[in-house]
PDB file of N, CA and C in Angstrom:
ATOM      1  N   MET A   1      11.474  14.558  27.505  1.00  0.00           N
ATOM      2  CA  MET A   1      11.210  14.209  26.131  1.00  0.00           C
ATOM      3  C   MET A   1      11.924  15.187  25.200  1.00  0.00           C
ATOM      4  N   TYR A   2      11.987  16.443  25.596  1.00  0.00           N
ATOM      5  CA  TYR A   2      12.669  17.413  24.746  1.00  0.00           C
ATOM      6  C   TYR A   2      14.147  17.059  24.603  1.00  0.00           C
ATOM      7  N   GLY A   3      14.716  16.495  25.647  1.00  0.00           N
ATOM      8  CA  GLY A   3      16.111  16.059  25.583  1.00  0.00           C
ATOM      9  C   GLY A   3      16.311  14.982  24.536  1.00  0.00           C
ATOM     10  N   ASP A   4      15.335  14.079  24.412  1.00  0.00           N
ATOM     11  CA  ASP A   4      15.419  13.039  23.379  1.00  0.00           C
ATOM     12  C   ASP A   4      15.381  13.667  21.991  1.00  0.00           C
ATOM     13  N   TYR A   5      14.520  14.674  21.832  1.00  0.00           N
ATOM     14  CA  TYR A   5      14.424  15.393  20.563  1.00  0.00           C
ATOM     15  C   TYR A   5      15.761  16.050  20.219  1.00  0.00           C
ATOM     16  N   GLU A   6      16.347  16.720  21.199  1.00  0.00           N
ATOM     17  CA  GLU A   6      17.630  17.388  20.973  1.00  0.00           C
ATOM     18  C   GLU A   6      18.729  16.379  20.649  1.00  0.00           C
ATOM     19  N   LEU A   7      18.724  15.259  21.354  1.00  0.00           N
ATOM     20  CA  LEU A   7      19.733  14.232  21.105  1.00  0.00           C
ATOM     21  C   LEU A   7      19.616  13.690  19.686  1.00  0.00           C
ATOM     22  N   ALA A   8      18.396  13.423  19.245  1.00  0.00           N
ATOM     23  CA  ALA A   8      18.195  12.953  17.871  1.00  0.00           C
ATOM     24  C   ALA A   8      18.672  14.005  16.877  1.00  0.00           C
ATOM     25  N   ALA A   9      18.358  15.268  17.140  1.00  0.00           N
ATOM     26  CA  ALA A   9      18.771  16.349  16.240  1.00  0.00           C
ATOM     27  C   ALA A   9      20.287  16.455  16.162  1.00  0.00           C
ATOM     28  N   ILE A  10      20.957  16.296  17.285  1.00  0.00           N
ATOM     29  CA  ILE A  10      22.424  16.347  17.289  1.00  0.00           C
ATOM     30  C   ILE A  10      22.989  15.240  16.412  1.00  0.00           C
ATOM     31  N   HIS A  11      22.468  14.035  16.578  1.00  0.00           N
ATOM     32  CA  HIS A  11      22.974  12.902  15.797  1.00  0.00           C
ATOM     33  C   HIS A  11      22.665  13.056  14.308  1.00  0.00           C
ATOM     34  N   LEU A  12      21.532  13.666  13.984  1.00  0.00           N
ATOM     35  CA  LEU A  12      21.153  13.804  12.580  1.00  0.00           C
ATOM     36  C   LEU A  12      21.794  15.005  11.899  1.00  0.00           C
ATOM     37  N   SER A  13      22.258  15.980  12.670  1.00  0.00           N
ATOM     38  CA  SER A  13      22.799  17.193  12.057  1.00  0.00           C
ATOM     39  C   SER A  13      24.316  17.185  11.908  1.00  0.00           C
ATOM     40  N   SER A  14      24.959  16.123  12.314  1.00  0.00           N
ATOM     41  CA  SER A  14      26.412  16.065  12.157  1.00  0.00           C
ATOM     42  C   SER A  14      26.771  15.907  10.682  1.00  0.00           C
ATOM     43  N   ASP A  15      28.026  16.153  10.338  1.00  0.00           N
ATOM     44  CA  ASP A  15      28.462  16.051   8.941  1.00  0.00           C
ATOM     45  C   ASP A  15      28.130  14.688   8.348  1.00  0.00           C
ATOM     46  N   VAL A  16      28.328  13.661   9.135  1.00  0.00           N
ATOM     47  CA  VAL A  16      27.925  12.309   8.747  1.00  0.00           C
ATOM     48  C   VAL A  16      26.851  11.886   9.754  1.00  0.00           C
ATOM     49  N   PRO A  17      25.568  11.976   9.376  1.00  0.00           N
ATOM     50  CA  PRO A  17      24.500  11.667  10.322  1.00  0.00           C
ATOM     51  C   PRO A  17      24.637  10.257  10.900  1.00  0.00           C
ATOM     52  N   ASN A  18      24.471  10.153  12.199  1.00  0.00           N
ATOM     53  CA  ASN A  18      24.556   8.871  12.887  1.00  0.00           C
ATOM     54  C   ASN A  18      23.130   8.360  13.081  1.00  0.00           C
ATOM     55  N   LEU A  19      22.630   7.653  12.076  1.00  0.00           N
ATOM     56  CA  LEU A  19      21.236   7.234  12.069  1.00  0.00           C
ATOM     57  C   LEU A  19      20.908   6.240  13.171  1.00  0.00           C
ATOM     58  N   SER A  20      21.827   5.346  13.485  1.00  0.00           N
ATOM     59  CA  SER A  20      21.529   4.339  14.506  1.00  0.00           C
ATOM     60  C   SER A  20      21.379   4.974  15.880  1.00  0.00           C
ATOM     61  N   GLU A  21      22.193   5.958  16.207  1.00  0.00           N
ATOM     62  CA  GLU A  21      22.070   6.637  17.497  1.00  0.00           C
ATOM     63  C   GLU A  21      20.831   7.531  17.528  1.00  0.00           C
ATOM     64  N   ALA A  22      20.524   8.170  16.412  1.00  0.00           N
ATOM     65  CA  ALA A  22      19.312   8.992  16.350  1.00  0.00           C
ATOM     66  C   ALA A  22      18.077   8.120  16.522  1.00  0.00           C
ATOM     67  N   LYS A  23      18.118   6.915  15.964  1.00  0.00           N
ATOM     68  CA  LYS A  23      16.984   5.995  16.078  1.00  0.00           C
ATOM     69  C   LYS A  23      16.704   5.643  17.530  1.00  0.00           C
ATOM     70  N   VAL A  24      17.730   5.510  18.341  1.00  0.00           N
ATOM     71  CA  VAL A  24      17.531   5.208  19.761  1.00  0.00           C
ATOM     72  C   VAL A  24      16.740   6.332  20.427  1.00  0.00           C
ATOM     73  N   ALA A  25      17.118   7.573  20.157  1.00  0.00           N
ATOM     74  CA  ALA A  25      16.417   8.715  20.747  1.00  0.00           C
ATOM     75  C   ALA A  25      14.988   8.818  20.216  1.00  0.00           C
ATOM     76  N   ILE A  26      14.807   8.572  18.931  1.00  0.00           N
ATOM     77  CA  ILE A  26      13.473   8.634  18.335  1.00  0.00           C
ATOM     78  C   ILE A  26      12.590   7.521  18.891  1.00  0.00           C
ATOM     79  N   ASP A  27      13.144   6.331  19.063  1.00  0.00           N
ATOM     80  CA  ASP A  27      12.381   5.228  19.649  1.00  0.00           C
ATOM     81  C   ASP A  27      11.987   5.535  21.088  1.00  0.00           C
ATOM     82  N   ALA A  28      12.852   6.219  21.818  1.00  0.00           N
ATOM     83  CA  ALA A  28      12.520   6.610  23.191  1.00  0.00           C
ATOM     84  C   ALA A  28      11.338   7.577  23.193  1.00  0.00           C
ATOM     85  N   MET A  29      11.337   8.539  22.274  1.00  0.00           N
ATOM     86  CA  MET A  29      10.208   9.469  22.175  1.00  0.00           C
ATOM     87  C   MET A  29       8.932   8.727  21.802  1.00  0.00           C
ATOM     88  N   SER A  30       9.051   7.764  20.910  1.00  0.00           N
ATOM     89  CA  SER A  30       7.894   6.977  20.497  1.00  0.00           C
ATOM     90  C   SER A  30       7.295   6.221  21.676  1.00  0.00           C
ATOM     91  N   GLY A  31       8.148   5.667  22.518  1.00  0.00           N
ATOM     92  CA  GLY A  31       7.669   4.958  23.701  1.00  0.00           C
ATOM     93  C   GLY A  31       6.946   5.872  24.668  1.00  0.00           C
ATOM     94  N   ILE A  32       7.458   7.077  24.835  1.00  0.00           N
ATOM     95  CA  ILE A  32       6.811   8.048  25.726  1.00  0.00           C
ATOM     96  C   ILE A  32       5.432   8.420  25.185  1.00  0.00           C
ATOM     97  N   VAL A  33       5.364   8.714  23.899  1.00  0.00           N
ATOM     98  CA  VAL A  33       4.089   9.100  23.292  1.00  0.00           C
ATOM     99  C   VAL A  33       3.093   7.945  23.368  1.00  0.00           C
ATOM    100  N   ALA A  34       3.541   6.730  23.104  1.00  0.00           N
ATOM    101  CA  ALA A  34       2.657   5.566  23.163  1.00  0.00           C
ATOM    102  C   ALA A  34       2.104   5.354  24.568  1.00  0.00           C
ATOM    103  N   SER A  35       2.882   5.689  25.581  1.00  0.00           N
ATOM    104  CA  SER A  35       2.419   5.494  26.956  1.00  0.00           C
ATOM    105  C   SER A  35       1.364   6.519  27.366  1.00  0.00           C
ATOM    106  N   LEU A  36       1.180   7.560  26.570  1.00  0.00           N
ATOM    107  CA  LEU A  36       0.194   8.596  26.890  1.00  0.00           C
ATOM    108  C   LEU A  36      -1.207   8.280  26.379  1.00  0.00           C
ATOM    109  N   VAL A  37      -1.345   7.241  25.560  1.00  0.00           N
ATOM    110  CA  VAL A  37      -2.647   6.898  24.994  1.00  0.00           C
ATOM    111  C   VAL A  37      -3.644   6.648  26.123  1.00  0.00           C
ATOM    112  N   GLY A  38      -4.759   7.334  26.056  1.00  0.00           N
ATOM    113  CA  GLY A  38      -5.807   7.189  27.054  1.00  0.00           C
ATOM    114  C   GLY A  38      -5.644   8.077  28.274  1.00  0.00           C
ATOM    115  N   ARG A  39      -4.585   8.847  28.339  1.00  0.00           N
ATOM    116  CA  ARG A  39      -4.322   9.688  29.509  1.00  0.00           C
ATOM    117  C   ARG A  39      -4.538  11.176  29.255  1.00  0.00           C
ATOM    118  N   LEU A  40      -4.808  11.547  28.021  1.00  0.00           N
ATOM    119  CA  LEU A  40      -4.888  12.965  27.687  1.00  0.00           C
ATOM    120  C   LEU A  40      -6.312  13.501  27.617  1.00  0.00           C
ATOM    121  N   GLY A  41      -7.284  12.652  27.852  1.00  0.00           N
ATOM    122  CA  GLY A  41      -8.675  13.093  27.837  1.00  0.00           C
ATOM    123  C   GLY A  41      -9.075  13.661  26.494  1.00  0.00           C
ATOM    124  N   GLU A  42      -9.817  14.775  26.520  1.00  0.00           N
ATOM    125  CA  GLU A  42     -10.307  15.373  25.277  1.00  0.00           C
ATOM    126  C   GLU A  42      -9.179  15.933  24.416  1.00  0.00           C
ATOM    127  N   ASN A  43      -8.015  16.174  24.984  1.00  0.00           N
ATOM    128  CA  ASN A  43      -6.882  16.704  24.218  1.00  0.00           C
ATOM    129  C   ASN A  43      -6.197  15.639  23.373  1.00  0.00           C
ATOM    130  N   GLU A  44      -6.610  14.401  23.523  1.00  0.00           N
ATOM    131  CA  GLU A  44      -5.963  13.310  22.796  1.00  0.00           C
ATOM    132  C   GLU A  44      -6.321  13.305  21.319  1.00  0.00           C
ATOM    133  N   LYS A  45      -7.408  13.942  20.955  1.00  0.00           N
ATOM    134  CA  LYS A  45      -7.872  13.916  19.562  1.00  0.00           C
ATOM    135  C   LYS A  45      -7.013  14.705  18.660  1.00  0.00           C
TER     136      LYS A  45
END
């Protein structure tokens, strides 16, 4: 997941931010986080 974060940061920090490529990485992180619902126990709050 950290790799997705770094990839999004790379795309967003370029001289001309590449929003469409950053969105792919951000959507991947969103999918990972969504799949954790109900699996974190008391730490989910």
